[in-house]
Amino acid sequence: MQDYNYVWANCFEITLELSCCKYPPTSELQQEWENNRDSLLAFIEKVVHIGVKGFVRDAVTGAGLENATIAVAGIAHNITAGK
């Protein structure tokens, strides 16, 4: 799903592995959260503002442009603007 969303939905997803246990018992979930909360929040604070965000607008009229292709030199994956 991550690859599909990156290529077709302009969405970059990640998977975070919290421990080597794929299905921890319910009784251990609170401790897993406490063990990883600070690291997760630090990661979110770091990456939330990385990249480009904003609106694609016509240079003359200022109107929003739907489905505009955004290309960045050196990155072989174009992004298409939404509505």
N, C-alpha and C. Protein backbone atom coordinates (compact mmCIF):
# COMPACT_ATOMS: atom_id res chain seq x y z
N MET A 1 0.82 -1.19 0.00
CA MET A 1 0.00 0.00 0.00
C MET A 1 0.87 1.26 0.00
N GLN A 2 2.00 1.21 0.69
CA GLN A 2 2.86 2.39 0.75
C GLN A 2 3.33 2.80 -0.64
N ASP A 3 3.79 1.83 -1.43
CA ASP A 3 4.27 2.14 -2.78
C ASP A 3 3.14 2.69 -3.64
N TYR A 4 1.97 2.09 -3.57
CA TYR A 4 0.83 2.55 -4.35
C TYR A 4 0.48 4.00 -3.99
N ASN A 5 0.39 4.28 -2.69
CA ASN A 5 0.03 5.64 -2.26
C ASN A 5 1.08 6.66 -2.68
N TYR A 6 2.35 6.29 -2.64
CA TYR A 6 3.41 7.21 -3.04
C TYR A 6 3.31 7.55 -4.53
N VAL A 7 3.10 6.52 -5.36
CA VAL A 7 3.07 6.72 -6.81
C VAL A 7 1.77 7.34 -7.28
N TRP A 8 0.63 6.89 -6.75
CA TRP A 8 -0.66 7.28 -7.31
C TRP A 8 -1.43 8.29 -6.48
N ALA A 9 -1.15 8.43 -5.21
CA ALA A 9 -1.94 9.33 -4.36
C ALA A 9 -1.11 10.47 -3.77
N ASN A 10 0.17 10.57 -4.18
CA ASN A 10 1.05 11.63 -3.67
C ASN A 10 1.11 11.64 -2.15
N CYS A 11 1.11 10.45 -1.57
CA CYS A 11 1.11 10.30 -0.12
C CYS A 11 2.30 9.43 0.26
N PHE A 12 3.14 9.91 1.14
CA PHE A 12 4.30 9.15 1.58
C PHE A 12 4.00 8.56 2.95
N GLU A 13 3.86 7.25 3.00
CA GLU A 13 3.55 6.56 4.25
C GLU A 13 4.81 5.88 4.79
N ILE A 14 4.82 5.67 6.09
CA ILE A 14 5.91 4.93 6.72
C ILE A 14 5.31 3.87 7.64
N THR A 15 6.10 2.88 7.95
CA THR A 15 5.73 1.88 8.95
C THR A 15 6.75 1.96 10.06
N LEU A 16 6.29 2.01 11.29
CA LEU A 16 7.17 2.05 12.45
C LEU A 16 7.04 0.74 13.20
N GLU A 17 8.16 0.11 13.44
CA GLU A 17 8.19 -1.13 14.23
C GLU A 17 8.60 -0.75 15.65
N LEU A 18 7.73 -1.04 16.61
CA LEU A 18 8.00 -0.65 17.99
C LEU A 18 8.77 -1.70 18.77
N SER A 19 8.64 -2.93 18.38
CA SER A 19 9.37 -4.00 19.05
C SER A 19 9.49 -5.18 18.09
N CYS A 20 10.18 -6.21 18.52
CA CYS A 20 10.31 -7.39 17.67
C CYS A 20 9.07 -8.27 17.77
N CYS A 21 8.18 -7.98 18.70
CA CYS A 21 6.96 -8.76 18.89
C CYS A 21 5.87 -8.21 17.97
N LYS A 22 5.44 -9.01 17.03
CA LYS A 22 4.44 -8.58 16.05
C LYS A 22 3.08 -8.33 16.70
N TYR A 23 2.69 -9.15 17.65
CA TYR A 23 1.39 -9.02 18.30
C TYR A 23 1.57 -9.05 19.82
N PRO A 24 1.96 -7.91 20.41
CA PRO A 24 2.16 -7.90 21.86
C PRO A 24 0.82 -8.09 22.57
N PRO A 25 0.85 -8.69 23.74
CA PRO A 25 -0.39 -8.85 24.51
C PRO A 25 -0.98 -7.48 24.86
N THR A 26 -2.29 -7.42 24.95
CA THR A 26 -2.98 -6.18 25.28
C THR A 26 -2.43 -5.56 26.56
N SER A 27 -2.08 -6.38 27.50
CA SER A 27 -1.57 -5.89 28.79
C SER A 27 -0.24 -5.14 28.66
N GLU A 28 0.47 -5.32 27.52
CA GLU A 28 1.76 -4.65 27.32
C GLU A 28 1.69 -3.41 26.43
N LEU A 29 0.53 -3.13 25.87
CA LEU A 29 0.42 -2.02 24.93
C LEU A 29 0.70 -0.66 25.57
N GLN A 30 0.22 -0.44 26.78
CA GLN A 30 0.46 0.83 27.46
C GLN A 30 1.96 1.05 27.66
N GLN A 31 2.67 0.00 28.06
CA GLN A 31 4.11 0.11 28.26
C GLN A 31 4.83 0.37 26.94
N GLU A 32 4.39 -0.27 25.85
CA GLU A 32 4.98 -0.01 24.52
C GLU A 32 4.81 1.46 24.15
N TRP A 33 3.63 2.00 24.41
CA TRP A 33 3.37 3.42 24.12
C TRP A 33 4.32 4.29 24.95
N GLU A 34 4.42 4.01 26.22
CA GLU A 34 5.28 4.82 27.08
C GLU A 34 6.75 4.70 26.67
N ASN A 35 7.17 3.52 26.23
CA ASN A 35 8.56 3.33 25.80
C ASN A 35 8.88 4.11 24.53
N ASN A 36 7.90 4.35 23.71
CA ASN A 36 8.15 4.92 22.38
C ASN A 36 7.53 6.30 22.14
N ARG A 37 6.75 6.80 23.07
CA ARG A 37 6.04 8.06 22.89
C ARG A 37 6.97 9.23 22.57
N ASP A 38 7.99 9.43 23.35
CA ASP A 38 8.87 10.59 23.13
C ASP A 38 9.56 10.52 21.78
N SER A 39 10.02 9.34 21.40
CA SER A 39 10.67 9.18 20.10
C SER A 39 9.70 9.44 18.96
N LEU A 40 8.48 8.93 19.08
CA LEU A 40 7.47 9.14 18.04
C LEU A 40 7.13 10.62 17.90
N LEU A 41 6.92 11.30 19.01
CA LEU A 41 6.60 12.72 18.95
C LEU A 41 7.76 13.54 18.39
N ALA A 42 8.99 13.18 18.74
CA ALA A 42 10.16 13.88 18.19
C ALA A 42 10.24 13.66 16.68
N PHE A 43 9.95 12.44 16.23
CA PHE A 43 9.95 12.15 14.79
C PHE A 43 8.89 12.99 14.07
N ILE A 44 7.70 13.03 14.62
CA ILE A 44 6.62 13.81 14.00
C ILE A 44 7.00 15.28 13.93
N GLU A 45 7.54 15.83 15.01
CA GLU A 45 7.95 17.23 15.02
C GLU A 45 9.02 17.50 13.97
N LYS A 46 9.90 16.54 13.73
CA LYS A 46 10.99 16.71 12.77
C LYS A 46 10.48 16.69 11.33
N VAL A 47 9.63 15.73 11.00
CA VAL A 47 9.27 15.54 9.60
C VAL A 47 8.03 16.31 9.15
N VAL A 48 7.26 16.82 10.08
CA VAL A 48 6.00 17.46 9.69
C VAL A 48 6.21 18.67 8.78
N HIS A 49 7.34 19.33 8.88
CA HIS A 49 7.58 20.53 8.07
C HIS A 49 8.63 20.33 6.99
N ILE A 50 9.01 19.07 6.72
CA ILE A 50 9.97 18.80 5.66
C ILE A 50 9.20 18.67 4.35
N GLY A 51 9.70 19.27 3.31
CA GLY A 51 9.04 19.16 2.01
C GLY A 51 8.45 20.49 1.59
N VAL A 52 7.56 20.39 0.64
CA VAL A 52 6.92 21.58 0.09
C VAL A 52 5.43 21.45 0.30
N LYS A 53 4.80 22.53 0.69
CA LYS A 53 3.36 22.53 0.84
C LYS A 53 2.84 23.89 0.39
N GLY A 54 1.63 23.90 -0.05
CA GLY A 54 1.05 25.16 -0.49
C GLY A 54 0.06 24.95 -1.61
N PHE A 55 -0.18 25.98 -2.37
CA PHE A 55 -1.16 25.96 -3.45
C PHE A 55 -0.46 26.24 -4.77
N VAL A 56 -0.94 25.61 -5.84
CA VAL A 56 -0.43 25.87 -7.18
C VAL A 56 -1.42 26.84 -7.82
N ARG A 57 -0.92 28.02 -8.18
CA ARG A 57 -1.80 29.07 -8.71
C ARG A 57 -1.29 29.58 -10.05
N ASP A 58 -2.20 30.04 -10.85
CA ASP A 58 -1.87 30.69 -12.11
C ASP A 58 -1.13 31.98 -11.81
N ALA A 59 -0.02 32.21 -12.51
CA ALA A 59 0.81 33.39 -12.25
C ALA A 59 0.10 34.70 -12.58
N VAL A 60 -0.83 34.68 -13.52
CA VAL A 60 -1.51 35.91 -13.94
C VAL A 60 -2.79 36.14 -13.14
N THR A 61 -3.65 35.15 -13.09
CA THR A 61 -4.96 35.33 -12.45
C THR A 61 -4.97 34.99 -10.97
N GLY A 62 -4.02 34.19 -10.53
CA GLY A 62 -4.00 33.77 -9.13
C GLY A 62 -4.97 32.64 -8.83
N ALA A 63 -5.66 32.16 -9.86
CA ALA A 63 -6.62 31.07 -9.66
C ALA A 63 -5.88 29.76 -9.38
N GLY A 64 -6.48 28.93 -8.57
CA GLY A 64 -5.88 27.63 -8.27
C GLY A 64 -5.85 26.75 -9.51
N LEU A 65 -4.78 25.98 -9.67
CA LEU A 65 -4.64 25.08 -10.81
C LEU A 65 -4.82 23.64 -10.34
N GLU A 66 -5.82 22.97 -10.91
CA GLU A 66 -6.05 21.56 -10.58
C GLU A 66 -5.19 20.68 -11.46
N ASN A 67 -4.74 19.59 -10.92
CA ASN A 67 -3.99 18.57 -11.66
C ASN A 67 -2.71 19.11 -12.31
N ALA A 68 -2.11 20.12 -11.72
CA ALA A 68 -0.84 20.64 -12.22
C ALA A 68 0.27 19.65 -11.86
N THR A 69 1.17 19.39 -12.80
CA THR A 69 2.29 18.50 -12.55
C THR A 69 3.44 19.30 -11.95
N ILE A 70 3.96 18.81 -10.83
CA ILE A 70 5.05 19.46 -10.13
C ILE A 70 6.27 18.56 -10.26
N ALA A 71 7.32 19.06 -10.89
CA ALA A 71 8.54 18.30 -11.10
C ALA A 71 9.69 18.98 -10.37
N VAL A 72 10.51 18.19 -9.71
CA VAL A 72 11.67 18.70 -8.99
C VAL A 72 12.91 18.08 -9.61
N ALA A 73 13.86 18.94 -9.97
CA ALA A 73 15.10 18.44 -10.56
C ALA A 73 15.79 17.48 -9.61
N GLY A 74 16.21 16.34 -10.13
CA GLY A 74 16.92 15.36 -9.32
C GLY A 74 16.04 14.34 -8.64
N ILE A 75 14.69 14.51 -8.73
CA ILE A 75 13.76 13.54 -8.15
C ILE A 75 12.94 12.98 -9.30
N ALA A 76 13.00 11.67 -9.47
CA ALA A 76 12.35 11.03 -10.62
C ALA A 76 10.91 10.66 -10.34
N HIS A 77 10.22 11.47 -9.58
CA HIS A 77 8.80 11.21 -9.29
C HIS A 77 8.07 12.54 -9.24
N ASN A 78 7.24 12.77 -10.24
CA ASN A 78 6.45 14.01 -10.26
C ASN A 78 5.23 13.88 -9.35
N ILE A 79 4.75 15.01 -8.90
CA ILE A 79 3.57 15.09 -8.05
C ILE A 79 2.49 15.84 -8.83
N THR A 80 1.26 15.43 -8.66
CA THR A 80 0.16 16.13 -9.32
C THR A 80 -0.66 16.84 -8.24
N ALA A 81 -0.90 18.13 -8.45
CA ALA A 81 -1.66 18.93 -7.48
C ALA A 81 -3.11 18.44 -7.45
N GLY A 82 -3.72 18.59 -6.32
CA GLY A 82 -5.12 18.24 -6.16
C GLY A 82 -6.03 19.39 -6.58
N LYS A 83 -7.24 19.37 -6.07
CA LYS A 83 -8.20 20.43 -6.39
C LYS A 83 -7.99 21.63 -5.49
